[in-house]
Protein backbone atom coordinates (compact mmCIF):
# COMPACT_ATOMS: atom_id res chain seq x y z
CA MET A 1 -41.26 -28.17 -82.66
CA LEU A 2 -37.54 -29.01 -83.20
CA ILE A 3 -36.89 -25.30 -83.48
CA LYS A 4 -38.78 -24.59 -80.19
CA LYS A 5 -36.69 -27.31 -78.42
CA LEU A 6 -33.39 -25.85 -79.78
CA LYS A 7 -34.43 -22.31 -78.50
CA THR A 8 -35.13 -23.69 -75.10
CA PHE A 9 -31.84 -25.61 -75.03
CA ALA A 10 -30.01 -22.52 -76.00
CA ILE A 11 -31.63 -20.49 -73.29
CA LEU A 12 -30.77 -22.96 -70.69
CA THR A 13 -27.08 -23.14 -71.88
CA VAL A 14 -26.67 -19.42 -71.54
CA ALA A 15 -28.42 -19.29 -68.14
CA ALA A 16 -25.99 -22.04 -66.86
CA THR A 17 -23.02 -20.14 -68.36
CA PHE A 18 -23.82 -16.97 -66.50
CA SER A 19 -24.65 -18.72 -63.30
CA ILE A 20 -21.29 -20.19 -62.77
CA PRO A 21 -19.44 -16.87 -62.03
CA MET A 22 -22.44 -15.89 -60.00
CA MET A 23 -22.16 -18.87 -57.84
CA GLY A 24 -18.45 -18.28 -57.52
CA GLN A 25 -19.20 -14.79 -56.33
CA ASP A 26 -21.71 -16.18 -53.69
CA LEU A 27 -19.03 -18.52 -52.45
CA LEU A 28 -16.45 -15.54 -52.20
CA ALA A 29 -19.06 -13.62 -50.35
CA ARG A 30 -19.75 -16.40 -47.97
CA GLN A 31 -16.06 -16.91 -47.43
CA ALA A 32 -15.24 -13.20 -46.77
CA PRO A 33 -16.48 -13.11 -43.06
CA ILE A 34 -14.77 -16.40 -42.33
CA ASP A 35 -11.54 -15.05 -43.64
CA ARG A 36 -11.89 -11.83 -41.49
CA LYS A 37 -12.70 -14.05 -38.43
CA MET A 38 -9.51 -16.07 -39.15
CA LYS A 39 -7.54 -12.89 -39.49
CA ALA A 40 -8.77 -11.62 -36.23
CA VAL A 41 -7.96 -14.88 -34.47
CA ASP A 42 -4.42 -14.82 -35.89
CA SER A 43 -3.98 -11.16 -34.68
CA MET A 44 -5.21 -11.98 -31.22
CA ALA A 45 -2.89 -15.00 -30.99
CA LEU A 46 -0.08 -12.95 -32.11
CA HIS A 47 -0.94 -10.17 -29.59
CA ARG A 48 -1.13 -12.77 -26.76
CA LEU A 49 2.33 -14.23 -27.81
CA ILE A 50 3.90 -10.77 -27.87
CA GLN A 51 2.31 -10.11 -24.46
CA ALA A 52 3.51 -13.33 -23.10
CA GLU A 53 7.13 -12.75 -24.20
CA SER A 54 7.09 -9.20 -23.01
CA TYR A 55 5.85 -10.37 -19.52
CA GLU A 56 8.67 -12.99 -19.50
CA SER A 57 11.29 -10.49 -20.18
CA PRO A 58 10.42 -6.80 -20.49
CA ALA A 59 12.39 -4.82 -23.04
CA ALA A 60 14.23 -8.04 -24.19
CA ASP A 61 15.47 -6.14 -27.45
CA LEU A 62 17.68 -4.08 -25.08
CA TYR A 63 18.86 -6.68 -22.66
CA ASN A 64 20.84 -9.83 -23.16
CA ASP A 65 19.27 -11.76 -20.28
CA TRP A 66 16.95 -11.79 -17.34
CA ASN A 67 18.51 -12.62 -13.93
CA ASN A 68 18.03 -11.87 -10.36
CA ARG A 69 21.74 -11.69 -9.43
CA TYR A 70 22.98 -8.20 -10.34
CA ALA A 71 21.48 -4.88 -9.52
CA HIS A 72 22.83 -3.49 -12.64
CA GLN A 73 25.26 -4.72 -15.17
CA ALA A 74 26.24 -2.55 -18.10
CA SER A 75 25.42 -3.85 -21.72
CA VAL A 76 25.67 -2.11 -25.04
CA LEU A 77 23.99 1.32 -24.85
CA PRO A 78 22.43 2.64 -28.05
CA ASP A 79 23.49 5.95 -29.45
CA THR A 80 19.84 7.07 -29.42
CA PHE A 81 16.75 5.61 -27.62
CA ARG A 82 13.27 7.03 -27.20
CA ILE A 83 11.78 6.35 -23.63
CA ASP A 84 8.06 6.57 -23.33
CA LEU A 85 7.23 8.42 -20.07
CA ARG A 86 3.43 8.17 -20.53
CA GLY A 87 1.57 6.15 -17.90
CA PHE A 88 4.03 7.06 -15.18
CA HIS A 89 3.43 7.20 -11.48
CA MET A 90 5.60 9.24 -9.12
CA PRO A 91 7.43 6.83 -6.80
CA THR A 92 6.65 9.12 -3.76
CA THR A 93 4.50 12.05 -3.06
CA SER A 94 7.49 13.90 -1.39
CA ARG A 95 8.79 16.89 -3.37
CA VAL A 96 11.73 17.27 -1.26
CA LEU A 97 15.09 16.40 -2.89
CA THR A 98 18.19 16.05 -0.54
CA SER A 99 20.91 15.07 -2.87
CA ASN A 100 21.50 15.46 -6.65
CA PHE A 101 22.68 13.04 -9.25
CA GLY A 102 26.35 13.24 -10.12
CA ALA A 103 29.52 13.98 -8.31
CA ARG A 104 29.33 13.84 -4.58
CA TRP A 105 32.06 13.29 -1.77
CA GLY A 106 34.56 12.29 -4.48
CA ARG A 107 32.34 9.63 -6.07
CA GLN A 108 29.45 9.54 -8.47
CA HIS A 109 26.02 9.39 -6.98
CA LYS A 110 24.01 7.35 -9.28
CA GLY A 111 20.57 8.46 -8.37
CA LEU A 112 18.35 11.19 -6.72
CA ASP A 113 17.80 11.26 -3.01
CA ILE A 114 14.15 12.18 -1.96
CA LYS A 115 12.99 12.83 1.52
CA VAL A 116 10.60 10.27 2.81
CA TYR A 117 9.82 9.06 6.36
CA ILE A 118 9.93 5.55 7.63
CA GLY A 119 6.79 3.82 6.64
CA ASP A 120 5.92 6.14 3.71
CA THR A 121 4.58 4.19 0.66
CA ILE A 122 6.95 3.83 -2.33
CA ARG A 123 5.41 2.98 -5.61
CA ALA A 124 6.42 1.69 -9.01
CA ALA A 125 7.35 4.47 -11.43
CA PHE A 126 6.12 2.40 -14.46
CA SER A 127 4.44 -0.90 -15.22
CA GLY A 128 6.96 -3.78 -15.54
CA LYS A 129 8.46 -6.84 -13.83
CA VAL A 130 10.47 -6.93 -10.53
CA ARG A 131 13.95 -8.25 -11.27
CA ILE A 132 15.55 -8.00 -7.77
CA VAL A 133 14.35 -7.81 -4.11
CA ARG A 134 17.33 -7.99 -1.88
CA TYR A 135 19.23 -6.39 1.06
CA GLU A 136 22.78 -4.87 0.79
CA GLY A 137 24.03 -3.78 4.09
CA LYS A 138 27.00 -1.45 2.75
CA GLY A 139 24.81 -0.05 -0.06
CA TYR A 140 21.29 0.13 -1.11
CA GLY A 141 19.92 -1.53 2.15
CA LYS A 142 16.57 -3.12 1.33
CA TYR A 143 16.03 -2.33 -2.33
CA VAL A 144 13.98 -3.34 -5.33
CA VAL A 145 14.90 -3.29 -9.04
CA ILE A 146 12.16 -3.25 -11.62
CA ARG A 147 12.46 -3.62 -15.41
CA HIS A 148 10.03 -1.62 -17.35
CA TYR A 149 8.39 -2.01 -20.92
CA ASN A 150 9.79 1.33 -21.84
CA GLY A 151 13.37 0.10 -21.56
CA LEU A 152 14.23 1.65 -18.23
CA GLU A 153 15.11 -0.17 -15.08
CA THR A 154 14.33 1.76 -11.78
CA ILE A 155 16.09 1.02 -8.48
CA TYR A 156 14.48 1.97 -5.03
CA GLY A 157 16.93 1.88 -2.18
CA HIS A 158 17.17 2.23 1.75
CA MET A 159 13.54 0.87 2.31
CA SER A 160 12.38 -0.31 5.56
CA LYS A 161 10.24 -3.04 3.97
CA GLN A 162 9.82 -4.67 0.51
CA LEU A 163 6.27 -5.43 -0.58
CA VAL A 164 6.94 -7.36 -3.77
CA THR A 165 8.78 -10.52 -4.80
CA GLU A 166 11.13 -11.27 -7.71
CA ASP A 167 9.63 -11.98 -11.10
CA GLN A 168 6.30 -10.35 -9.89
CA GLU A 169 4.56 -8.23 -12.57
CA VAL A 170 3.58 -4.67 -11.31
CA ARG A 171 1.60 -1.78 -12.68
CA ALA A 172 2.62 1.82 -12.37
CA GLY A 173 1.56 3.15 -8.92
CA ASP A 174 1.49 -0.32 -7.18
CA PRO A 175 3.09 -0.17 -3.77
CA ILE A 176 6.46 -1.92 -3.79
CA GLY A 177 7.84 -0.87 -0.44
CA LEU A 178 8.01 1.43 2.56
CA GLY A 179 10.29 4.32 3.19
CA GLY A 180 13.21 3.67 5.48
CA ASN A 181 16.89 4.09 6.48
CA THR A 182 18.53 0.87 5.78
CA GLY A 183 22.07 0.22 4.34
CA ARG A 184 24.42 2.98 3.76
CA SER A 185 22.13 5.82 4.72
CA THR A 186 22.38 8.67 7.26
CA GLY A 187 18.69 9.35 7.49
CA SER A 188 15.24 8.15 6.12
CA HIS A 189 15.08 8.93 2.44
CA LEU A 190 14.40 7.08 -0.94
CA HIS A 191 17.49 6.60 -3.19
CA PHE A 192 15.96 6.49 -6.63
CA GLU A 193 17.84 5.45 -9.94
CA THR A 194 16.76 5.25 -13.58
CA ARG A 195 19.00 3.12 -15.71
CA LEU A 196 19.22 2.28 -19.35
CA CYS A 197 21.12 -0.84 -20.26
CA GLY A 198 22.58 -1.02 -16.89
CA ILE A 199 23.91 2.69 -17.25
CA ALA A 200 22.62 5.22 -14.73
CA LEU A 201 20.86 8.17 -16.20
CA ASN A 202 20.00 11.43 -14.32
CA PRO A 203 16.43 10.90 -13.06
CA ALA A 204 16.00 14.62 -13.28
CA LEU A 205 15.94 14.36 -17.09
CA MET A 206 12.66 12.59 -16.78
CA PHE A 207 11.13 13.29 -13.42
CA ASP A 208 10.19 16.63 -11.84
CA PHE A 209 9.71 15.70 -8.15
CA LYS A 210 8.93 19.27 -7.04
CA ASN A 211 6.09 19.36 -9.42
CA GLN A 212 5.15 15.65 -9.03
CA ASP A 213 5.21 15.14 -12.79
CA VAL A 214 7.40 13.78 -15.70
CA VAL A 215 9.06 16.38 -17.81
CA ASP A 216 7.50 15.37 -21.10
CA ASP A 217 5.65 12.34 -22.77
CA TYR A 218 8.98 11.03 -24.10
CA TYR A 219 12.65 11.44 -23.24
CA VAL A 220 15.12 10.90 -26.13
CA PHE A 221 18.35 9.63 -24.85
CA ARG A 222 21.30 10.78 -26.94
CA LYS A 223 25.09 9.73 -26.06
CA SER A 224 26.38 12.85 -27.89
CA THR A 225 24.28 15.55 -25.74
CA TYR A 226 23.58 13.45 -22.49
CA ASN A 227 26.13 15.14 -20.30
CA ARG A 228 25.03 18.70 -21.17
CA GLU A 229 21.33 17.78 -20.82
CA SER A 230 22.00 16.14 -17.43
CA ALA A 231 23.67 19.13 -15.97
CA GLU A 232 20.83 21.39 -17.33
CA ALA A 233 18.17 19.16 -15.65
CA THR A 234 19.91 19.24 -12.41
CA ARG A 235 20.08 23.16 -12.63
CA LEU A 236 16.40 23.21 -13.36
CA ARG A 237 15.09 20.32 -11.12
CA GLY A 238 17.86 19.50 -8.65
CA VAL A 239 18.61 20.53 -5.05
CA GLY A 240 19.41 24.33 -4.84
CA GLY A 241 19.31 24.56 -8.57
CA VAL A 242 23.00 23.91 -8.94
CA ALA A 243 24.29 21.86 -11.82
CA VAL A 244 26.68 18.93 -11.33
CA ASN A 245 28.41 16.81 -13.92
CA GLY A 246 26.08 13.89 -14.71
CA ASP A 247 28.84 11.49 -15.80
CA LEU A 248 27.56 8.80 -18.06
CA ASP A 249 30.48 6.36 -17.18
CA ILE A 250 30.93 5.35 -20.85
CA PRO A 251 33.81 6.09 -23.16
CA MET A 252 33.50 9.60 -24.82
CA SER A 253 35.59 11.58 -27.18
CA ARG A 254 37.89 14.19 -25.47
CA GLN A 255 36.09 16.89 -27.14
CA SER A 256 32.66 15.82 -26.16
CA TYR A 257 33.84 15.31 -22.58
CA ALA A 258 35.40 18.78 -22.42
CA SER A 259 32.19 20.41 -23.80
CA ALA A 260 30.05 18.56 -21.38
CA SER A 261 32.17 19.31 -18.30
CA THR A 262 32.51 23.11 -18.87
CA GLN A 263 28.90 24.02 -18.04
CA PRO A 264 28.85 22.42 -14.52
CA ALA A 265 32.04 24.15 -13.79
CA ARG A 266 30.70 27.51 -14.80
CA ALA A 267 27.50 26.86 -12.71
CA LYS A 268 29.50 26.05 -9.58
CA SER A 269 31.83 29.04 -9.92
CA SER A 270 28.88 31.52 -10.48
CA ASN A 271 27.53 33.42 -7.40
CA VAL A 272 24.19 31.46 -7.09
CA LYS A 273 22.02 32.84 -4.10
CA THR A 274 20.19 30.12 -2.43
CA HIS A 275 17.76 30.11 0.56
CA SER A 276 16.58 27.32 2.79
CA THR A 277 13.25 25.92 1.75
CA ARG A 278 11.07 24.66 4.43
CA PHE A 279 8.46 21.90 4.37
CA HIS A 280 5.58 20.71 6.55
CA LYS A 281 4.52 17.14 6.67
CA VAL A 282 0.73 16.84 7.17
CA SER A 283 -0.48 15.21 10.32
CA LYS A 284 -3.77 13.33 10.87
CA GLY A 285 -6.52 15.96 11.44
CA GLU A 286 -4.58 18.91 10.08
CA THR A 287 -6.26 21.35 7.51
CA LEU A 288 -4.80 23.96 5.32
CA SER A 289 -6.10 26.61 7.72
CA SER A 290 -4.56 24.97 10.86
CA ILE A 291 -1.28 24.65 9.01
CA ALA A 292 -1.23 28.15 7.72
CA LYS A 293 -1.91 29.49 11.25
CA LYS A 294 0.87 27.20 12.70
CA ARG A 295 3.40 28.44 10.12
CA GLY A 296 2.38 32.13 10.37
CA MET A 297 1.00 32.24 6.70
CA THR A 298 -2.13 32.71 4.88
CA VAL A 299 -3.86 29.72 3.24
CA SER A 300 -3.51 31.46 -0.26
CA ALA A 301 0.22 31.71 0.24
CA ILE A 302 0.56 28.02 0.92
CA CYS A 303 -1.78 27.12 -2.01
CA LYS A 304 0.46 29.30 -4.31
CA LEU A 305 3.75 27.70 -3.07
CA ASN A 306 2.26 24.24 -3.53
CA HIS A 307 0.36 24.83 -6.88
CA ILE A 308 -2.92 23.60 -5.15
CA LYS A 309 -6.42 25.13 -4.53
CA SER A 310 -7.75 26.20 -1.15
CA THR A 311 -10.46 23.49 -1.73
CA SER A 312 -7.79 20.75 -2.37
CA LYS A 313 -7.84 17.78 0.06
CA ILE A 314 -4.67 17.21 1.97
CA ARG A 315 -3.73 13.87 3.43
CA PRO A 316 -1.71 12.70 6.40
CA GLY A 317 2.11 12.22 5.03
CA GLN A 318 1.76 14.83 2.40
CA ILE A 319 4.66 17.33 2.20
CA LEU A 320 3.68 21.14 1.86
CA ARG A 321 6.19 23.82 1.25
CA TYR A 322 5.73 26.90 3.52
CA ASN A 323 8.32 29.31 2.55
């Protein structure tokens, strides 16, 4: 009888010994989903915090402050910076450039001029936050400045009306104003600038207005090669295909400046043949057929010039090339 009791006790002891780690494993198993949920909550909270900080001051790692006073104020420009061009929206549907970035009339023209008509819709190029909505009689006229999450700031000048307010968050493609002829302007157009840390960069490095697209998914800015790349961008995508010196307005070595300035000089001195490109602004009720007839062309010829199909829908205000 005693032996039987001892055996029973021994079995119970062994069972209890092995059950302790099993209970621990059960506890760990039950705790795991809770840990995962807490981790998810922490991640969501962190994500919301980052979003909130980004909304308050987009690209805060590049800019010292957020103010509604200066249209642009130069700060420290990185030697290299990658700008994300994805999620863009063309600021206007116009394909007509009227003035290049760079030297013009003895001074530097800090943006591109794009032909628009009074009342044409102007849209935000990227998502971001409106920093300035103001009027400048001897300069930009009615203009808007937006700071974007990709580090760029864009400026839209000479508008007839502003449709946004300062500190307003906007998405790429949101209407921000209407085309106009305000300020220092000799005809209705959009003056469009792209700036990094307050320094004007040639928009043609990133935007191809003639093809209504960006040049690539990313643009990598490099101080050492910027001037050369700016001149090439103007040659490829500027007015008349003539390169001009895209002066960066920051200190450069004498050797770098000489190298960057020789290419524009060669481009200007070369015998470049140009012709007058003509455009048609679509009116209400017009079709490709009626436009072709009016301009003495075929529908297929207009489609080829504008990279569209004969079945493409055209809309009032759209600009079509016809020679």
